């Protein structure tokens, strides 16, 4: 009888679908996210587009990496490409729409993903940046998404970064504050230093934090402090056209 029970159990276990590999242990996923990070820091739109195509392909493949994280990856790439000058404006808008849809799909799978909520807030912010009239509808959505992310992971560096950038870009009459933005981005930079080197992806954002902190200083007229932050950003991403050709020249004139 015992042998029969063991045999049935073995058969049932063999027939049970195997769970997807944890993203941190999936070699394909690890290589893909490494390419994404390198392409972002190199301003390599062509490689980012290839990574997006690969992430979309993996979404339809059996097993493999987490569906929620793949959706996050597609959204993250789209958000980055939406600010790349080599990408046509109409395509940028489509990428942001896709990013929003992908993140909503990710949140259906994992409603408690602070990372997805923070990026969704940033995607809404990007849409507002491209058309301020959208702020009437998307402003509250962006605020709501980041508020939910803060409740889940208040010390997550990308949550703090998104919160800080939102504070910087929001008019004071609607709750924006350069002082609060600086405090949040400084907290983000401290949190980035605490992230272990081998943590599962995502791990981006330190470069962005320096670039945004520099913009806060530039807005105040402190060109020396702004330049120092831009130089720190370039130490991480030497080929960033945004910093090298847009932000830095404005404070070295």
Protein backbone atom coordinates (compact mmCIF):
# COMPACT_ATOMS: atom_id res chain seq x y z
CA UNK A 1 0.00 0.00 0.00
CA UNK A 2 2.79 2.41 0.92
CA UNK A 3 4.60 1.60 -2.33
CA UNK A 4 1.37 2.32 -4.25
CA UNK A 5 0.91 5.70 -2.52
CA UNK A 6 4.52 6.65 -3.25
CA UNK A 7 4.13 5.63 -6.89
CA UNK A 8 0.97 7.71 -7.32
CA UNK A 9 2.60 10.70 -5.61
CA UNK A 10 5.63 10.44 -7.88
CA UNK A 11 3.42 10.33 -10.98
CA UNK A 12 1.38 13.32 -9.83
CA UNK A 13 4.51 15.33 -9.12
CA UNK A 14 5.89 14.45 -12.53
CA UNK A 15 2.67 15.56 -14.24
CA UNK A 16 2.44 18.84 -12.29
CA UNK A 17 3.50 21.87 -14.37
CA UNK A 18 6.89 23.12 -13.30
CA UNK A 19 6.94 26.68 -11.96
CA UNK A 20 8.74 29.37 -13.90
CA UNK A 21 12.38 29.81 -13.01
CA UNK A 22 12.99 32.59 -10.51
CA UNK A 23 14.06 35.63 -12.56
CA UNK A 24 17.26 36.00 -10.55
CA UNK A 25 18.26 32.45 -11.54
CA UNK A 26 17.13 32.60 -15.19
CA UNK A 27 20.20 33.01 -17.40
CA UNK A 28 18.22 34.45 -20.31
CA UNK A 29 16.61 37.01 -18.02
CA UNK A 30 19.91 37.94 -16.39
CA UNK A 31 21.56 38.52 -19.77
CA UNK A 32 18.59 40.53 -21.02
CA UNK A 33 18.45 42.85 -18.01
CA UNK A 34 22.21 43.35 -18.16
CA UNK A 35 21.89 44.42 -21.81
CA UNK A 36 19.02 46.75 -20.90
CA UNK A 37 21.02 48.47 -18.18
CA UNK A 38 24.10 48.84 -20.39
CA UNK A 39 22.03 50.22 -23.27
CA UNK A 40 20.31 52.77 -21.01
CA UNK A 41 23.62 54.03 -19.64
CA UNK A 42 25.07 54.17 -23.17
CA UNK A 43 22.08 55.92 -24.76
CA UNK A 44 21.89 52.98 -27.14
CA UNK A 45 18.36 53.15 -28.56
CA UNK A 46 19.00 50.42 -31.14
CA UNK A 47 19.95 47.88 -28.47
CA UNK A 48 17.02 48.94 -26.28
CA UNK A 49 14.65 48.24 -29.17
CA UNK A 50 16.19 44.78 -29.59
CA UNK A 51 15.80 44.16 -25.84
CA UNK A 52 12.16 45.24 -26.02
CA UNK A 53 11.54 42.78 -28.85
CA UNK A 54 13.21 40.02 -26.84
CA UNK A 55 11.15 40.80 -23.72
CA UNK A 56 7.94 40.75 -25.79
CA UNK A 57 8.99 37.39 -27.26
CA UNK A 58 9.68 35.96 -23.83
CA UNK A 59 6.19 36.99 -22.71
CA UNK A 60 4.78 34.41 -25.10
CA UNK A 61 7.33 31.68 -24.32
CA UNK A 62 6.42 28.86 -21.91
CA UNK A 63 8.09 28.92 -18.49
CA UNK A 64 11.03 31.28 -18.10
CA UNK A 65 10.99 34.54 -16.25
CA UNK A 66 8.16 36.07 -14.28
CA UNK A 67 5.39 37.48 -16.48
CA UNK A 68 5.09 40.50 -14.18
CA UNK A 69 8.79 41.31 -14.43
CA UNK A 70 8.78 40.86 -18.20
CA UNK A 71 5.91 43.34 -18.44
CA UNK A 72 7.90 45.69 -16.19
CA UNK A 73 10.93 45.31 -18.47
CA UNK A 74 8.92 46.16 -21.60
CA UNK A 75 7.45 49.19 -19.83
CA UNK A 76 10.83 50.34 -18.52
CA UNK A 77 12.40 50.17 -21.98
CA UNK A 78 9.47 52.06 -23.50
CA UNK A 79 9.71 54.76 -20.85
CA UNK A 80 13.41 55.20 -21.58
CA UNK A 81 12.94 55.26 -25.35
CA UNK A 82 10.17 57.84 -24.99
CA UNK A 83 12.84 60.42 -24.12
CA UNK A 84 15.42 59.38 -26.69
CA UNK A 85 15.77 62.04 -29.43
CA UNK A 86 16.41 59.37 -32.06
CA UNK A 87 12.87 58.02 -31.55
CA UNK A 88 10.11 59.88 -33.49
CA UNK A 89 7.54 61.73 -31.36
CA UNK A 90 4.62 59.59 -32.52
CA UNK A 91 6.55 56.45 -31.63
CA UNK A 92 7.40 57.89 -28.20
CA UNK A 93 3.71 58.39 -27.44
CA UNK A 94 2.95 54.82 -28.47
CA UNK A 95 5.74 53.49 -26.26
CA UNK A 96 4.33 55.34 -23.25
CA UNK A 97 0.87 53.94 -23.95
CA UNK A 98 2.37 50.46 -24.16
CA UNK A 99 4.32 51.06 -20.94
CA UNK A 100 1.13 52.01 -19.11
CA UNK A 101 -0.69 48.92 -20.39
CA UNK A 102 2.22 46.61 -19.52
CA UNK A 103 2.49 47.96 -15.98
CA UNK A 104 -1.25 47.60 -15.41
CA UNK A 105 -0.92 43.99 -16.57
CA UNK A 106 2.02 43.47 -14.21
CA UNK A 107 0.00 44.88 -11.32
CA UNK A 108 -2.86 42.48 -12.04
CA UNK A 109 -0.36 39.66 -11.54
CA UNK A 110 1.39 41.28 -8.58
CA UNK A 111 -0.74 44.08 -7.06
CA UNK A 112 1.86 44.70 -4.35
CA UNK A 113 4.74 45.49 -6.69
CA UNK A 114 6.10 48.81 -5.45
CA UNK A 115 8.51 48.81 -8.40
CA UNK A 116 5.67 48.62 -10.94
CA UNK A 117 3.64 51.29 -9.13
CA UNK A 118 6.61 53.66 -8.98
CA UNK A 119 7.37 53.20 -12.67
CA UNK A 120 3.69 53.65 -13.53
CA UNK A 121 3.77 56.97 -11.67
CA UNK A 122 6.82 57.97 -13.75
CA UNK A 123 5.08 56.92 -16.98
CA UNK A 124 2.13 59.14 -16.12
CA UNK A 125 4.62 61.90 -15.35
CA UNK A 126 6.25 61.40 -18.76
CA UNK A 127 2.90 61.72 -20.47
CA UNK A 128 2.24 64.95 -18.60
CA UNK A 129 5.70 66.27 -19.54
CA UNK A 130 4.84 65.79 -23.21
CA UNK A 131 1.41 67.42 -22.88
CA UNK A 132 0.70 69.45 -19.74
CA UNK A 133 -3.05 69.41 -20.35
CA UNK A 134 -2.96 65.70 -19.48
CA UNK A 135 -2.04 66.67 -15.93
CA UNK A 136 -5.71 67.26 -15.11
CA UNK A 137 -6.41 63.54 -15.44
CA UNK A 138 -3.00 61.92 -15.13
CA UNK A 139 -1.68 64.04 -12.25
CA UNK A 140 -3.93 62.36 -9.66
CA UNK A 141 -3.18 58.94 -11.18
CA UNK A 142 0.55 59.57 -10.88
CA UNK A 143 0.18 60.76 -7.29
CA UNK A 144 -2.01 57.78 -6.42
CA UNK A 145 0.41 55.25 -7.90
CA UNK A 146 3.43 56.63 -6.05
CA UNK A 147 1.44 56.93 -2.81
CA UNK A 148 0.59 53.22 -3.07
CA UNK A 149 4.24 52.40 -3.80
CA UNK A 150 5.41 54.35 -0.74
CA UNK A 151 2.99 52.40 1.46
CA UNK A 152 4.48 49.14 0.22
CA UNK A 153 8.21 49.99 0.13
CA UNK A 154 8.93 53.44 1.61
CA UNK A 155 12.70 52.92 1.48
CA UNK A 156 12.94 51.51 -2.04
CA UNK A 157 15.38 53.80 -3.92
CA UNK A 158 13.34 53.84 -7.14
CA UNK A 159 10.18 54.63 -5.19
CA UNK A 160 11.97 57.51 -3.47
CA UNK A 161 13.41 58.70 -6.78
CA UNK A 162 10.02 58.69 -8.52
CA UNK A 163 8.47 60.46 -5.54
CA UNK A 164 11.22 63.09 -5.57
CA UNK A 165 11.04 63.71 -9.33
CA UNK A 166 7.29 64.05 -9.01
CA UNK A 167 7.68 66.65 -6.27
CA UNK A 168 10.18 68.57 -8.40
CA UNK A 169 7.99 68.59 -11.51
CA UNK A 170 4.69 69.35 -9.78
CA UNK A 171 3.73 73.04 -9.45
CA UNK A 172 3.79 74.31 -5.87
CA UNK A 173 0.05 75.04 -5.96
CA UNK A 174 -0.55 71.32 -6.50
CA UNK A 175 1.85 70.10 -3.81
CA UNK A 176 5.22 70.33 -5.53
CA UNK A 177 8.30 71.33 -3.55
CA UNK A 178 11.95 71.60 -4.53
CA UNK A 179 12.97 71.21 -0.88
CA UNK A 180 10.99 67.99 -0.47
CA UNK A 181 12.26 66.78 -3.84
CA UNK A 182 15.87 67.26 -2.74
CA UNK A 183 15.29 65.41 0.52
CA UNK A 184 13.64 62.48 -1.25
CA UNK A 185 16.33 62.18 -3.91
CA UNK A 186 19.07 62.34 -1.27
CA UNK A 187 17.30 59.51 0.55
CA UNK A 188 17.17 57.62 -2.74
CA UNK A 189 20.92 58.01 -3.21
CA UNK A 190 21.52 56.68 0.30
CA UNK A 191 19.20 53.75 -0.41
CA UNK A 192 21.02 52.99 -3.66
CA UNK A 193 24.25 52.62 -1.69
CA UNK A 194 22.54 50.01 0.49
CA UNK A 195 21.33 47.85 -2.38
CA UNK A 196 23.41 44.65 -2.60
CA UNK A 197 25.41 44.30 -5.81
CA UNK A 198 23.79 40.97 -6.69
CA UNK A 199 20.17 41.86 -5.99
CA UNK A 200 17.61 40.76 -8.59
CA UNK A 201 16.71 43.32 -11.26
CA UNK A 202 15.60 46.14 -11.31
CA UNK A 203 18.56 48.03 -9.93
CA UNK A 204 18.56 51.16 -12.08
CA UNK A 205 18.23 54.75 -10.90
CA UNK A 206 21.44 56.01 -9.28
CA UNK A 207 22.45 57.85 -12.45
CA UNK A 208 19.00 59.43 -12.66
CA UNK A 209 19.13 60.53 -9.02
CA UNK A 210 22.33 62.50 -9.58
CA UNK A 211 20.95 64.05 -12.77
CA UNK A 212 17.73 65.16 -11.07
CA UNK A 213 19.51 66.44 -7.99
CA UNK A 214 21.66 68.52 -10.31
CA UNK A 215 18.53 70.01 -11.86
CA UNK A 216 17.26 71.02 -8.45
CA UNK A 217 20.52 72.88 -7.79
CA UNK A 218 20.45 74.42 -11.27
CA UNK A 219 16.93 75.73 -10.69
CA UNK A 220 18.20 77.45 -7.53
CA UNK A 221 21.07 79.00 -9.44
CA UNK A 222 23.75 76.91 -7.72
CA UNK A 223 25.69 76.03 -10.87
CA UNK A 224 28.70 74.59 -9.02
CA UNK A 225 26.54 72.08 -7.09
CA UNK A 226 24.57 71.25 -10.24
CA UNK A 227 27.73 70.64 -12.22
CA UNK A 228 29.10 68.37 -9.47
CA UNK A 229 25.96 66.22 -9.64
CA UNK A 230 26.05 66.06 -13.43
CA UNK A 231 29.68 64.95 -13.27
CA UNK A 232 28.65 62.20 -10.82
CA UNK A 233 25.93 61.14 -13.26
CA UNK A 234 28.45 61.03 -16.11
CA UNK A 235 30.79 58.92 -14.01
CA UNK A 236 28.04 56.27 -14.12
CA UNK A 237 26.86 56.93 -17.69
CA UNK A 238 29.65 58.66 -19.65
CA UNK A 239 27.68 58.54 -22.92
CA UNK A 240 24.49 60.13 -21.62
CA UNK A 241 23.48 62.68 -24.23
CA UNK A 242 20.89 64.13 -21.85
CA UNK A 243 23.51 65.07 -19.28
CA UNK A 244 26.47 65.78 -21.55
CA UNK A 245 24.70 67.83 -24.21
CA UNK A 246 21.62 69.23 -22.45
CA UNK A 247 22.04 69.54 -18.69
CA UNK A 248 25.78 70.14 -18.28
CA UNK A 249 26.17 72.90 -20.91
CA UNK A 250 23.46 74.92 -19.15
CA UNK A 251 25.62 75.27 -16.04
CA UNK A 252 29.06 75.76 -17.59
CA UNK A 253 28.25 78.81 -19.71
